[in-house]
Amino acid sequence: MSLTRQTDPSLRRIVLVTLAAIALSASVPGIATQTTPGGERGALAAELDAAFAAAYPADGPGAAVLVEKGGEVILRRGYGMAHLELGVPIAPDMVFRLGSITKQFTAAAILLLVE
C-alpha cells in the first residue's frame, strides 16, 4: 500500500500522525543517518519523506519521524516547526513532552487496521 495513493486525505493524515507519534515515543540516540539510500528501502524512504513533507509544511507545526524496518533505520528526519513564533525547526532528536497523548493515535491506527 502506498501512502501517496490514499484516496481519503484525512485517513492519510491520521496514518502519518500515528507514525510520527510512534516514532516520537521511540527515541534512538546516536543515529546520524537521515535516509537509507538505494534499493527498495531507499524507495520506501523517498516515498515516506515525500508524504511527510507534504503533510507537514516547513513553516507549520511539524513532527519528528523515525522509521525502522528490519533493524535498519529507513528514515530519521524532522518536518515543520517546533516553535512557530521563534522559527525553531524540528530536529529528529528533539525531546517532546507528550504525556499520554500517543495512546489515542495508536488506538485510531488499530481501529483503522481492524476496519
PDB file of N, CA and C in Angstrom:
ATOM      1  N   MET A   1       0.838  -1.174   0.000  1.00  0.00           N
ATOM      2  CA  MET A   1       0.000   0.000   0.000  1.00  0.00           C
ATOM      3  C   MET A   1       0.882   1.235   0.000  1.00  0.00           C
ATOM      4  N   SER A   2       0.557   2.176  -0.830  1.00  0.00           N
ATOM      5  CA  SER A   2       1.320   3.405  -0.940  1.00  0.00           C
ATOM      6  C   SER A   2       0.608   4.536  -0.212  1.00  0.00           C
ATOM      7  N   LEU A   3       1.318   5.266   0.647  1.00  0.00           N
ATOM      8  CA  LEU A   3       0.709   6.378   1.368  1.00  0.00           C
ATOM      9  C   LEU A   3       0.333   7.518   0.434  1.00  0.00           C
ATOM     10  N   THR A   4       1.044   7.645  -0.687  1.00  0.00           N
ATOM     11  CA  THR A   4       0.750   8.731  -1.612  1.00  0.00           C
ATOM     12  C   THR A   4      -0.451   8.423  -2.489  1.00  0.00           C
ATOM     13  N   ARG A   5      -0.946   7.195  -2.482  1.00  0.00           N
ATOM     14  CA  ARG A   5      -2.081   6.821  -3.319  1.00  0.00           C
ATOM     15  C   ARG A   5      -3.384   6.733  -2.538  1.00  0.00           C
ATOM     16  N   GLN A   6      -3.407   7.153  -1.287  1.00  0.00           N
ATOM     17  CA  GLN A   6      -4.628   7.115  -0.492  1.00  0.00           C
ATOM     18  C   GLN A   6      -5.661   8.058  -1.102  1.00  0.00           C
ATOM     19  N   THR A   7      -6.910   7.627  -1.125  1.00  0.00           N
ATOM     20  CA  THR A   7      -7.965   8.465  -1.679  1.00  0.00           C
ATOM     21  C   THR A   7      -8.504   9.452  -0.651  1.00  0.00           C
ATOM     22  N   ASP A   8      -8.477   9.120   0.606  1.00  0.00           N
ATOM     23  CA  ASP A   8      -9.008   9.980   1.658  1.00  0.00           C
ATOM     24  C   ASP A   8      -7.862  10.707   2.351  1.00  0.00           C
ATOM     25  N   PRO A   9      -7.724  12.045   2.151  1.00  0.00           N
ATOM     26  CA  PRO A   9      -6.604  12.765   2.759  1.00  0.00           C
ATOM     27  C   PRO A   9      -6.643  12.751   4.285  1.00  0.00           C
ATOM     28  N   SER A  10      -7.842  12.704   4.883  1.00  0.00           N
ATOM     29  CA  SER A  10      -7.900  12.674   6.348  1.00  0.00           C
ATOM     30  C   SER A  10      -7.360  11.352   6.878  1.00  0.00           C
ATOM     31  N   LEU A  11      -7.608  10.249   6.183  1.00  0.00           N
ATOM     32  CA  LEU A  11      -7.061   8.954   6.575  1.00  0.00           C
ATOM     33  C   LEU A  11      -5.540   8.979   6.467  1.00  0.00           C
ATOM     34  N   ARG A  12      -5.036   9.554   5.396  1.00  0.00           N
ATOM     35  CA  ARG A  12      -3.590   9.666   5.194  1.00  0.00           C
ATOM     36  C   ARG A  12      -2.968  10.480   6.323  1.00  0.00           C
ATOM     37  N   ARG A  13      -3.613  11.574   6.703  1.00  0.00           N
ATOM     38  CA  ARG A  13      -3.113  12.427   7.778  1.00  0.00           C
ATOM     39  C   ARG A  13      -3.087  11.656   9.104  1.00  0.00           C
ATOM     40  N   ILE A  14      -4.150  10.878   9.379  1.00  0.00           N
ATOM     41  CA  ILE A  14      -4.203  10.085  10.607  1.00  0.00           C
ATOM     42  C   ILE A  14      -3.057   9.082  10.648  1.00  0.00           C
ATOM     43  N   VAL A  15      -2.809   8.415   9.525  1.00  0.00           N
ATOM     44  CA  VAL A  15      -1.731   7.427   9.465  1.00  0.00           C
ATOM     45  C   VAL A  15      -0.382   8.108   9.675  1.00  0.00           C
ATOM     46  N   LEU A  16      -0.169   9.254   9.032  1.00  0.00           N
ATOM     47  CA  LEU A  16       1.106   9.956   9.185  1.00  0.00           C
ATOM     48  C   LEU A  16       1.305  10.458  10.613  1.00  0.00           C
ATOM     49  N   VAL A  17       0.252  11.005  11.215  1.00  0.00           N
ATOM     50  CA  VAL A  17       0.366  11.480  12.589  1.00  0.00           C
ATOM     51  C   VAL A  17       0.627  10.314  13.537  1.00  0.00           C
ATOM     52  N   THR A  18      -0.022   9.183  13.275  1.00  0.00           N
ATOM     53  CA  THR A  18       0.188   7.998  14.107  1.00  0.00           C
ATOM     54  C   THR A  18       1.633   7.519  14.004  1.00  0.00           C
ATOM     55  N   LEU A  19       2.145   7.458  12.783  1.00  0.00           N
ATOM     56  CA  LEU A  19       3.542   7.052  12.609  1.00  0.00           C
ATOM     57  C   LEU A  19       4.485   8.014  13.316  1.00  0.00           C
ATOM     58  N   ALA A  20       4.188   9.300  13.221  1.00  0.00           N
ATOM     59  CA  ALA A  20       5.038  10.283  13.887  1.00  0.00           C
ATOM     60  C   ALA A  20       4.972  10.127  15.401  1.00  0.00           C
ATOM     61  N   ALA A  21       3.775   9.892  15.929  1.00  0.00           N
ATOM     62  CA  ALA A  21       3.634   9.729  17.382  1.00  0.00           C
ATOM     63  C   ALA A  21       4.384   8.504  17.868  1.00  0.00           C
ATOM     64  N   ILE A  22       4.305   7.422  17.115  1.00  0.00           N
ATOM     65  CA  ILE A  22       5.035   6.210  17.489  1.00  0.00           C
ATOM     66  C   ILE A  22       6.532   6.454  17.404  1.00  0.00           C
ATOM     67  N   ALA A  23       6.954   7.157  16.367  1.00  0.00           N
ATOM     68  CA  ALA A  23       8.373   7.460  16.217  1.00  0.00           C
ATOM     69  C   ALA A  23       8.872   8.343  17.352  1.00  0.00           C
ATOM     70  N   LEU A  24       8.042   9.289  17.783  1.00  0.00           N
ATOM     71  CA  LEU A  24       8.445  10.172  18.871  1.00  0.00           C
ATOM     72  C   LEU A  24       8.619   9.427  20.182  1.00  0.00           C
ATOM     73  N   SER A  25       7.837   8.381  20.360  1.00  0.00           N
ATOM     74  CA  SER A  25       7.923   7.645  21.614  1.00  0.00           C
ATOM     75  C   SER A  25       9.120   6.702  21.651  1.00  0.00           C
ATOM     76  N   ALA A  26       9.810   6.533  20.533  1.00  0.00           N
ATOM     77  CA  ALA A  26      10.955   5.618  20.473  1.00  0.00           C
ATOM     78  C   ALA A  26      12.209   6.404  20.120  1.00  0.00           C
ATOM     79  N   SER A  27      12.782   7.083  21.077  1.00  0.00           N
ATOM     80  CA  SER A  27      13.981   7.875  20.847  1.00  0.00           C
ATOM     81  C   SER A  27      15.186   6.958  20.709  1.00  0.00           C
ATOM     82  N   VAL A  28      15.921   7.135  19.620  1.00  0.00           N
ATOM     83  CA  VAL A  28      17.109   6.320  19.379  1.00  0.00           C
ATOM     84  C   VAL A  28      18.311   7.251  19.251  1.00  0.00           C
ATOM     85  N   PRO A  29      19.066   7.459  20.329  1.00  0.00           N
ATOM     86  CA  PRO A  29      20.205   8.362  20.273  1.00  0.00           C
ATOM     87  C   PRO A  29      21.364   7.783  19.472  1.00  0.00           C
ATOM     88  N   GLY A  30      22.130   8.682  18.869  1.00  0.00           N
ATOM     89  CA  GLY A  30      23.367   8.279  18.214  1.00  0.00           C
ATOM     90  C   GLY A  30      23.222   7.819  16.775  1.00  0.00           C
ATOM     91  N   ILE A  31      22.044   7.923  16.193  1.00  0.00           N
ATOM     92  CA  ILE A  31      21.880   7.539  14.792  1.00  0.00           C
ATOM     93  C   ILE A  31      22.036   8.801  13.957  1.00  0.00           C
ATOM     94  N   ALA A  32      22.987   8.805  13.046  1.00  0.00           N
ATOM     95  CA  ALA A  32      23.283  10.022  12.303  1.00  0.00           C
ATOM     96  C   ALA A  32      22.594  10.074  10.947  1.00  0.00           C
ATOM     97  N   THR A  33      22.211   8.941  10.384  1.00  0.00           N
ATOM     98  CA  THR A  33      21.650   8.936   9.041  1.00  0.00           C
ATOM     99  C   THR A  33      20.238   9.481   9.022  1.00  0.00           C
ATOM    100  N   GLN A  34      19.869  10.133   7.912  1.00  0.00           N
ATOM    101  CA  GLN A  34      18.511  10.641   7.753  1.00  0.00           C
ATOM    102  C   GLN A  34      17.679   9.712   6.883  1.00  0.00           C
ATOM    103  N   THR A  35      18.245   9.184   5.834  1.00  0.00           N
ATOM    104  CA  THR A  35      17.530   8.233   4.984  1.00  0.00           C
ATOM    105  C   THR A  35      18.498   7.142   4.545  1.00  0.00           C
ATOM    106  N   THR A  36      17.946   6.025   4.118  1.00  0.00           N
ATOM    107  CA  THR A  36      18.748   4.928   3.610  1.00  0.00           C
ATOM    108  C   THR A  36      18.747   5.002   2.089  1.00  0.00           C
ATOM    109  N   PRO A  37      19.911   5.234   1.457  1.00  0.00           N
ATOM    110  CA  PRO A  37      19.937   5.377   0.004  1.00  0.00           C
ATOM    111  C   PRO A  37      19.852   4.030  -0.709  1.00  0.00           C
ATOM    112  N   GLY A  38      19.297   4.062  -1.908  1.00  0.00           N
ATOM    113  CA  GLY A  38      19.315   2.913  -2.811  1.00  0.00           C
ATOM    114  C   GLY A  38      18.354   1.802  -2.484  1.00  0.00           C
ATOM    115  N   GLY A  39      18.030   1.022  -3.512  1.00  0.00           N
ATOM    116  CA  GLY A  39      17.233  -0.183  -3.359  1.00  0.00           C
ATOM    117  C   GLY A  39      15.803   0.062  -2.931  1.00  0.00           C
ATOM    118  N   GLU A  40      15.157  -1.036  -2.501  1.00  0.00           N
ATOM    119  CA  GLU A  40      13.757  -0.982  -2.079  1.00  0.00           C
ATOM    120  C   GLU A  40      13.576  -0.081  -0.866  1.00  0.00           C
ATOM    121  N   ARG A  41      14.500  -0.151   0.077  1.00  0.00           N
ATOM    122  CA  ARG A  41      14.389   0.674   1.281  1.00  0.00           C
ATOM    123  C   ARG A  41      14.607   2.141   0.959  1.00  0.00           C
ATOM    124  N   GLY A  42      15.468   2.426  -0.003  1.00  0.00           N
ATOM    125  CA  GLY A  42      15.668   3.809  -0.442  1.00  0.00           C
ATOM    126  C   GLY A  42      14.408   4.362  -1.084  1.00  0.00           C
ATOM    127  N   ALA A  43      13.715   3.528  -1.859  1.00  0.00           N
ATOM    128  CA  ALA A  43      12.456   3.944  -2.480  1.00  0.00           C
ATOM    129  C   ALA A  43      11.394   4.176  -1.414  1.00  0.00           C
ATOM    130  N   LEU A  44      11.353   3.309  -0.410  1.00  0.00           N
ATOM    131  CA  LEU A  44      10.408   3.475   0.693  1.00  0.00           C
ATOM    132  C   LEU A  44      10.715   4.760   1.449  1.00  0.00           C
ATOM    133  N   ALA A  45      11.989   5.016   1.704  1.00  0.00           N
ATOM    134  CA  ALA A  45      12.391   6.242   2.403  1.00  0.00           C
ATOM    135  C   ALA A  45      11.982   7.475   1.606  1.00  0.00           C
ATOM    136  N   ALA A  46      12.180   7.444   0.302  1.00  0.00           N
ATOM    137  CA  ALA A  46      11.815   8.578  -0.549  1.00  0.00           C
ATOM    138  C   ALA A  46      10.301   8.800  -0.542  1.00  0.00           C
ATOM    139  N   GLU A  47       9.531   7.714  -0.591  1.00  0.00           N
ATOM    140  CA  GLU A  47       8.071   7.824  -0.583  1.00  0.00           C
ATOM    141  C   GLU A  47       7.572   8.366   0.754  1.00  0.00           C
ATOM    142  N   LEU A  48       8.120   7.848   1.849  1.00  0.00           N
ATOM    143  CA  LEU A  48       7.739   8.342   3.176  1.00  0.00           C
ATOM    144  C   LEU A  48       8.145   9.797   3.354  1.00  0.00           C
ATOM    145  N   ASP A  49       9.349  10.149   2.908  1.00  0.00           N
ATOM    146  CA  ASP A  49       9.833  11.518   3.016  1.00  0.00           C
ATOM    147  C   ASP A  49       8.904  12.470   2.269  1.00  0.00           C
ATOM    148  N   ALA A  50       8.495  12.093   1.069  1.00  0.00           N
ATOM    149  CA  ALA A  50       7.589  12.940   0.285  1.00  0.00           C
ATOM    150  C   ALA A  50       6.236  13.082   0.973  1.00  0.00           C
ATOM    151  N   ALA A  51       5.724  11.985   1.546  1.00  0.00           N
ATOM    152  CA  ALA A  51       4.420  12.020   2.216  1.00  0.00           C
ATOM    153  C   ALA A  51       4.474  12.905   3.466  1.00  0.00           C
ATOM    154  N   PHE A  52       5.531  12.764   4.275  1.00  0.00           N
ATOM    155  CA  PHE A  52       5.649  13.581   5.483  1.00  0.00           C
ATOM    156  C   PHE A  52       5.896  15.041   5.132  1.00  0.00           C
ATOM    157  N   ALA A  53       6.703  15.308   4.106  1.00  0.00           N
ATOM    158  CA  ALA A  53       6.963  16.692   3.697  1.00  0.00           C
ATOM    159  C   ALA A  53       5.681  17.366   3.217  1.00  0.00           C
ATOM    160  N   ALA A  54       4.818  16.615   2.542  1.00  0.00           N
ATOM    161  CA  ALA A  54       3.544  17.171   2.085  1.00  0.00           C
ATOM    162  C   ALA A  54       2.591  17.400   3.260  1.00  0.00           C
ATOM    163  N   ALA A  55       2.627  16.529   4.255  1.00  0.00           N
ATOM    164  CA  ALA A  55       1.717  16.639   5.399  1.00  0.00           C
ATOM    165  C   ALA A  55       2.157  17.717   6.382  1.00  0.00           C
ATOM    166  N   TYR A  56       3.456  17.971   6.482  1.00  0.00           N
ATOM    167  CA  TYR A  56       3.992  18.934   7.435  1.00  0.00           C
ATOM    168  C   TYR A  56       4.829  19.976   6.713  1.00  0.00           C
ATOM    169  N   PRO A  57       4.227  21.097   6.286  1.00  0.00           N
ATOM    170  CA  PRO A  57       4.980  22.141   5.587  1.00  0.00           C
ATOM    171  C   PRO A  57       6.081  22.724   6.470  1.00  0.00           C
ATOM    172  N   ALA A  58       7.122  23.213   5.858  1.00  0.00           N
ATOM    173  CA  ALA A  58       8.293  23.719   6.577  1.00  0.00           C
ATOM    174  C   ALA A  58       7.958  24.881   7.503  1.00  0.00           C
ATOM    175  N   ASP A  59       6.907  25.650   7.217  1.00  0.00           N
ATOM    176  CA  ASP A  59       6.578  26.814   8.035  1.00  0.00           C
ATOM    177  C   ASP A  59       5.410  26.570   8.999  1.00  0.00           C
ATOM    178  N   GLY A  60       4.976  25.320   9.150  1.00  0.00           N
ATOM    179  CA  GLY A  60       3.854  24.996  10.032  1.00  0.00           C
ATOM    180  C   GLY A  60       4.275  24.039  11.128  1.00  0.00           C
ATOM    181  N   PRO A  61       3.327  23.703  12.019  1.00  0.00           N
ATOM    182  CA  PRO A  61       3.631  22.718  13.065  1.00  0.00           C
ATOM    183  C   PRO A  61       4.069  21.401  12.446  1.00  0.00           C
ATOM    184  N   GLY A  62       4.987  20.713  13.075  1.00  0.00           N
ATOM    185  CA  GLY A  62       5.550  19.534  12.445  1.00  0.00           C
ATOM    186  C   GLY A  62       5.661  18.326  13.340  1.00  0.00           C
ATOM    187  N   ALA A  63       6.568  17.430  12.941  1.00  0.00           N
ATOM    188  CA  ALA A  63       6.771  16.170  13.647  1.00  0.00           C
ATOM    189  C   ALA A  63       8.196  15.691  13.424  1.00  0.00           C
ATOM    190  N   ALA A  64       8.697  14.927  14.386  1.00  0.00           N
ATOM    191  CA  ALA A  64       9.970  14.238  14.237  1.00  0.00           C
ATOM    192  C   ALA A  64       9.635  12.787  13.897  1.00  0.00           C
ATOM    193  N   VAL A  65      10.299  12.233  12.903  1.00  0.00           N
ATOM    194  CA  VAL A  65       9.940  10.913  12.388  1.00  0.00           C
ATOM    195  C   VAL A  65      11.143   9.980  12.431  1.00  0.00           C
ATOM    196  N   LEU A  66      10.892   8.763  12.873  1.00  0.00           N
ATOM    197  CA  LEU A  66      11.881   7.699  12.827  1.00  0.00           C
ATOM    198  C   LEU A  66      11.170   6.456  12.316  1.00  0.00           C
ATOM    199  N   VAL A  67      11.594   5.951  11.162  1.00  0.00           N
ATOM    200  CA  VAL A  67      11.006   4.738  10.593  1.00  0.00           C
ATOM    201  C   VAL A  67      12.113   3.702  10.504  1.00  0.00           C
ATOM    202  N   GLU A  68      11.844   2.530  11.052  1.00  0.00           N
ATOM    203  CA  GLU A  68      12.808   1.439  11.078  1.00  0.00           C
ATOM    204  C   GLU A  68      12.175   0.214  10.447  1.00  0.00           C
ATOM    205  N   LYS A  69      12.955  -0.510   9.662  1.00  0.00           N
ATOM    206  CA  LYS A  69      12.475  -1.750   9.056  1.00  0.00           C
ATOM    207  C   LYS A  69      13.590  -2.781   9.142  1.00  0.00           C
ATOM    208  N   GLY A  70      13.279  -3.896   9.766  1.00  0.00           N
ATOM    209  CA  GLY A  70      14.263  -4.969   9.882  1.00  0.00           C
ATOM    210  C   GLY A  70      15.508  -4.575  10.648  1.00  0.00           C
ATOM    211  N   GLY A  71      15.358  -3.720  11.650  1.00  0.00           N
ATOM    212  CA  GLY A  71      16.507  -3.310  12.449  1.00  0.00           C
ATOM    213  C   GLY A  71      17.346  -2.217  11.823  1.00  0.00           C
ATOM    214  N   GLU A  72      16.972  -1.749  10.645  1.00  0.00           N
ATOM    215  CA  GLU A  72      17.720  -0.700   9.951  1.00  0.00           C
ATOM    216  C   GLU A  72      16.867   0.556   9.875  1.00  0.00           C
ATOM    217  N   VAL A  73      17.470   1.701  10.189  1.00  0.00           N
ATOM    218  CA  VAL A  73      16.751   2.972  10.115  1.00  0.00           C
ATOM    219  C   VAL A  73      16.550   3.331   8.646  1.00  0.00           C
ATOM    220  N   ILE A  74      15.276   3.488   8.273  1.00  0.00           N
ATOM    221  CA  ILE A  74      14.918   3.844   6.900  1.00  0.00           C
ATOM    222  C   ILE A  74      14.858   5.359   6.746  1.00  0.00           C
ATOM    223  N   LEU A  75      14.244   6.022   7.718  1.00  0.00           N
ATOM    224  CA  LEU A  75      14.072   7.474   7.658  1.00  0.00           C
ATOM    225  C   LEU A  75      14.151   8.044   9.067  1.00  0.00           C
ATOM    226  N   ARG A  76      14.928   9.092   9.232  1.00  0.00           N
ATOM    227  CA  ARG A  76      15.037   9.807  10.515  1.00  0.00           C
ATOM    228  C   ARG A  76      15.181  11.278  10.188  1.00  0.00           C
ATOM    229  N   ARG A  77      14.087  12.027  10.407  1.00  0.00           N
ATOM    230  CA  ARG A  77      14.097  13.420   9.973  1.00  0.00           C
ATOM    231  C   ARG A  77      13.032  14.225  10.713  1.00  0.00           C
ATOM    232  N   GLY A  78      13.238  15.519  10.817  1.00  0.00           N
ATOM    233  CA  GLY A  78      12.251  16.427  11.383  1.00  0.00           C
ATOM    234  C   GLY A  78      11.556  17.183  10.266  1.00  0.00           C
ATOM    235  N   TYR A  79      10.254  17.395  10.441  1.00  0.00           N
ATOM    236  CA  TYR A  79       9.452  18.122   9.453  1.00  0.00           C
ATOM    237  C   TYR A  79       8.726  19.262  10.151  1.00  0.00           C
ATOM    238  N   GLY A  80       8.715  20.431   9.556  1.00  0.00           N
ATOM    239  CA  GLY A  80       7.979  21.558  10.106  1.00  0.00           C
ATOM    240  C   GLY A  80       8.710  22.240  11.254  1.00  0.00           C
ATOM    241  N   MET A  81       7.921  22.993  12.039  1.00  0.00           N
ATOM    242  CA  MET A  81       8.477  23.827  13.089  1.00  0.00           C
ATOM    243  C   MET A  81       8.132  23.302  14.484  1.00  0.00           C
ATOM    244  N   ALA A  82       9.095  23.421  15.393  1.00  0.00           N
ATOM    245  CA  ALA A  82       8.872  23.078  16.796  1.00  0.00           C
ATOM    246  C   ALA A  82       8.262  24.269  17.531  1.00  0.00           C
ATOM    247  N   HIS A  83       8.673  25.471  17.140  1.00  0.00           N
ATOM    248  CA  HIS A  83       8.153  26.691  17.762  1.00  0.00           C
ATOM    249  C   HIS A  83       7.922  27.703  16.653  1.00  0.00           C
ATOM    250  N   LEU A  84       6.642  27.965  16.354  1.00  0.00           N
ATOM    251  CA  LEU A  84       6.299  28.841  15.230  1.00  0.00           C
ATOM    252  C   LEU A  84       6.750  30.285  15.454  1.00  0.00           C
ATOM    253  N   GLU A  85       6.549  30.800  16.659  1.00  0.00           N
ATOM    254  CA  GLU A  85       6.895  32.193  16.936  1.00  0.00           C
ATOM    255  C   GLU A  85       8.391  32.459  16.866  1.00  0.00           C
ATOM    256  N   LEU A  86       9.184  31.525  17.329  1.00  0.00           N
ATOM    257  CA  LEU A  86      10.642  31.706  17.319  1.00  0.00           C
ATOM    258  C   LEU A  86      11.293  31.155  16.050  1.00  0.00           C
ATOM    259  N   GLY A  87      10.524  30.454  15.224  1.00  0.00           N
ATOM    260  CA  GLY A  87      11.066  29.898  13.983  1.00  0.00           C
ATOM    261  C   GLY A  87      12.033  28.747  14.201  1.00  0.00           C
ATOM    262  N   VAL A  88      11.783  27.927  15.208  1.00  0.00           N
ATOM    263  CA  VAL A  88      12.668  26.800  15.520  1.00  0.00           C
ATOM    264  C   VAL A  88      12.197  25.565  14.757  1.00  0.00           C
ATOM    265  N   PRO A  89      13.021  25.050  13.840  1.00  0.00           N
ATOM    266  CA  PRO A  89      12.621  23.838  13.104  1.00  0.00           C
ATOM    267  C   PRO A  89      12.759  22.591  13.983  1.00  0.00           C
ATOM    268  N   ILE A  90      12.005  21.583  13.628  1.00  0.00           N
ATOM    269  CA  ILE A  90      12.076  20.318  14.367  1.00  0.00           C
ATOM    270  C   ILE A  90      13.287  19.523  13.892  1.00  0.00           C
ATOM    271  N   ALA A  91      14.049  19.026  14.839  1.00  0.00           N
ATOM    272  CA  ALA A  91      15.184  18.142  14.561  1.00  0.00           C
ATOM    273  C   ALA A  91      14.764  16.722  14.937  1.00  0.00           C
ATOM    274  N   PRO A  92      15.338  15.697  14.280  1.00  0.00           N
ATOM    275  CA  PRO A  92      14.913  14.328  14.564  1.00  0.00           C
ATOM    276  C   PRO A  92      15.222  13.851  15.978  1.00  0.00           C
ATOM    277  N   ASP A  93      16.126  14.525  16.672  1.00  0.00           N
ATOM    278  CA  ASP A  93      16.482  14.078  18.021  1.00  0.00           C
ATOM    279  C   ASP A  93      15.888  14.966  19.114  1.00  0.00           C
ATOM    280  N   MET A  94      14.893  15.795  18.776  1.00  0.00           N
ATOM    281  CA  MET A  94      14.248  16.651  19.777  1.00  0.00           C
ATOM    282  C   MET A  94      13.462  15.822  20.776  1.00  0.00           C
ATOM    283  N   VAL A  95      13.388  16.322  22.001  1.00  0.00           N
ATOM    284  CA  VAL A  95      12.600  15.680  23.048  1.00  0.00           C
ATOM    285  C   VAL A  95      11.298  16.462  23.178  1.00  0.00           C
ATOM    286  N   PHE A  96      10.177  15.750  23.103  1.00  0.00           N
ATOM    287  CA  PHE A  96       8.862  16.355  23.216  1.00  0.00           C
ATOM    288  C   PHE A  96       8.196  15.873  24.500  1.00  0.00           C
ATOM    289  N   ARG A  97       7.550  16.772  25.199  1.00  0.00           N
ATOM    290  CA  ARG A  97       6.816  16.427  26.412  1.00  0.00           C
ATOM    291  C   ARG A  97       5.405  16.042  25.997  1.00  0.00           C
ATOM    292  N   LEU A  98       5.176  14.748  25.801  1.00  0.00           N
ATOM    293  CA  LEU A  98       3.919  14.268  25.252  1.00  0.00           C
ATOM    294  C   LEU A  98       2.925  13.773  26.286  1.00  0.00           C
ATOM    295  N   GLY A  99       3.383  13.284  27.402  1.00  0.00           N
ATOM    296  CA  GLY A  99       2.466  12.671  28.351  1.00  0.00           C
ATOM    297  C   GLY A  99       1.866  11.413  27.752  1.00  0.00           C
ATOM    298  N   SER A 100       0.559  11.294  27.798  1.00  0.00           N
ATOM    299  CA  SER A 100      -0.110  10.089  27.310  1.00  0.00           C
ATOM    300  C   SER A 100      -0.928  10.319  26.046  1.00  0.00           C
ATOM    301  N   ILE A 101      -0.618  11.364  25.288  1.00  0.00           N
ATOM    302  CA  ILE A 101      -1.461  11.662  24.127  1.00  0.00           C
ATOM    303  C   ILE A 101      -1.267  10.691  22.962  1.00  0.00           C
ATOM    304  N   THR A 102      -0.196   9.922  22.951  1.00  0.00           N
ATOM    305  CA  THR A 102       0.020   8.992  21.840  1.00  0.00           C
ATOM    306  C   THR A 102      -0.948   7.815  21.867  1.00  0.00           C
ATOM    307  N   LYS A 103      -1.546   7.544  23.014  1.00  0.00           N
ATOM    308  CA  LYS A 103      -2.456   6.405  23.122  1.00  0.00           C
ATOM    309  C   LYS A 103      -3.651   6.538  22.194  1.00  0.00           C
ATOM    310  N   GLN A 104      -4.204   7.737  22.055  1.00  0.00           N
ATOM    311  CA  GLN A 104      -5.365   7.911  21.193  1.00  0.00           C
ATOM    312  C   GLN A 104      -5.015   7.704  19.720  1.00  0.00           C
ATOM    313  N   PHE A 105      -3.821   8.096  19.313  1.00  0.00           N
ATOM    314  CA  PHE A 105      -3.411   7.890  17.928  1.00  0.00           C
ATOM    315  C   PHE A 105      -3.168   6.407  17.643  1.00  0.00           C
ATOM    316  N   THR A 106      -2.575   5.725  18.599  1.00  0.00           N
ATOM    317  CA  THR A 106      -2.366   4.287  18.452  1.00  0.00           C
ATOM    318  C   THR A 106      -3.706   3.568  18.374  1.00  0.00           C
ATOM    319  N   ALA A 107      -4.651   3.960  19.206  1.00  0.00           N
ATOM    320  CA  ALA A 107      -5.986   3.353  19.169  1.00  0.00           C
ATOM    321  C   ALA A 107      -6.661   3.603  17.824  1.00  0.00           C
ATOM    322  N   ALA A 108      -6.534   4.823  17.298  1.00  0.00           N
ATOM    323  CA  ALA A 108      -7.135   5.127  15.992  1.00  0.00           C
ATOM    324  C   ALA A 108      -6.486   4.298  14.890  1.00  0.00           C
ATOM    325  N   ALA A 109      -5.185   4.095  14.951  1.00  0.00           N
ATOM    326  CA  ALA A 109      -4.498   3.288  13.940  1.00  0.00           C
ATOM    327  C   ALA A 109      -4.940   1.827  14.024  1.00  0.00           C
ATOM    328  N   ILE A 110      -5.104   1.312  15.228  1.00  0.00           N
ATOM    329  CA  ILE A 110      -5.566  -0.066  15.397  1.00  0.00           C
ATOM    330  C   ILE A 110      -6.987  -0.224  14.856  1.00  0.00           C
ATOM    331  N   LEU A 111      -7.856   0.766  15.143  1.00  0.00           N
ATOM    332  CA  LEU A 111      -9.221   0.708  14.623  1.00  0.00           C
ATOM    333  C   LEU A 111      -9.264   0.763  13.105  1.00  0.00           C
ATOM    334  N   LEU A 112      -8.358   1.537  12.499  1.00  0.00           N
ATOM    335  CA  LEU A 112      -8.279   1.573  11.038  1.00  0.00           C
ATOM    336  C   LEU A 112      -7.842   0.220  10.481  1.00  0.00           C
ATOM    337  N   LEU A 113      -6.901  -0.416  11.156  1.00  0.00           N
ATOM    338  CA  LEU A 113      -6.455  -1.732  10.708  1.00  0.00           C
ATOM    339  C   LEU A 113      -7.568  -2.758  10.835  1.00  0.00           C
ATOM    340  N   VAL A 114      -8.318  -2.695  11.926  1.00  0.00           N
ATOM    341  CA  VAL A 114      -9.439  -3.628  12.122  1.00  0.00           C
ATOM    342  C   VAL A 114     -10.505  -3.434  11.051  1.00  0.00           C
ATOM    343  N   GLU A 115     -10.771  -2.155  10.735  1.00  0.00           N
ATOM    344  CA  GLU A 115     -11.776  -1.825   9.727  1.00  0.00           C
ATOM    345  C   GLU A 115     -11.381  -2.369   8.370  1.00  0.00           C
TER     346      GLU A 115
END
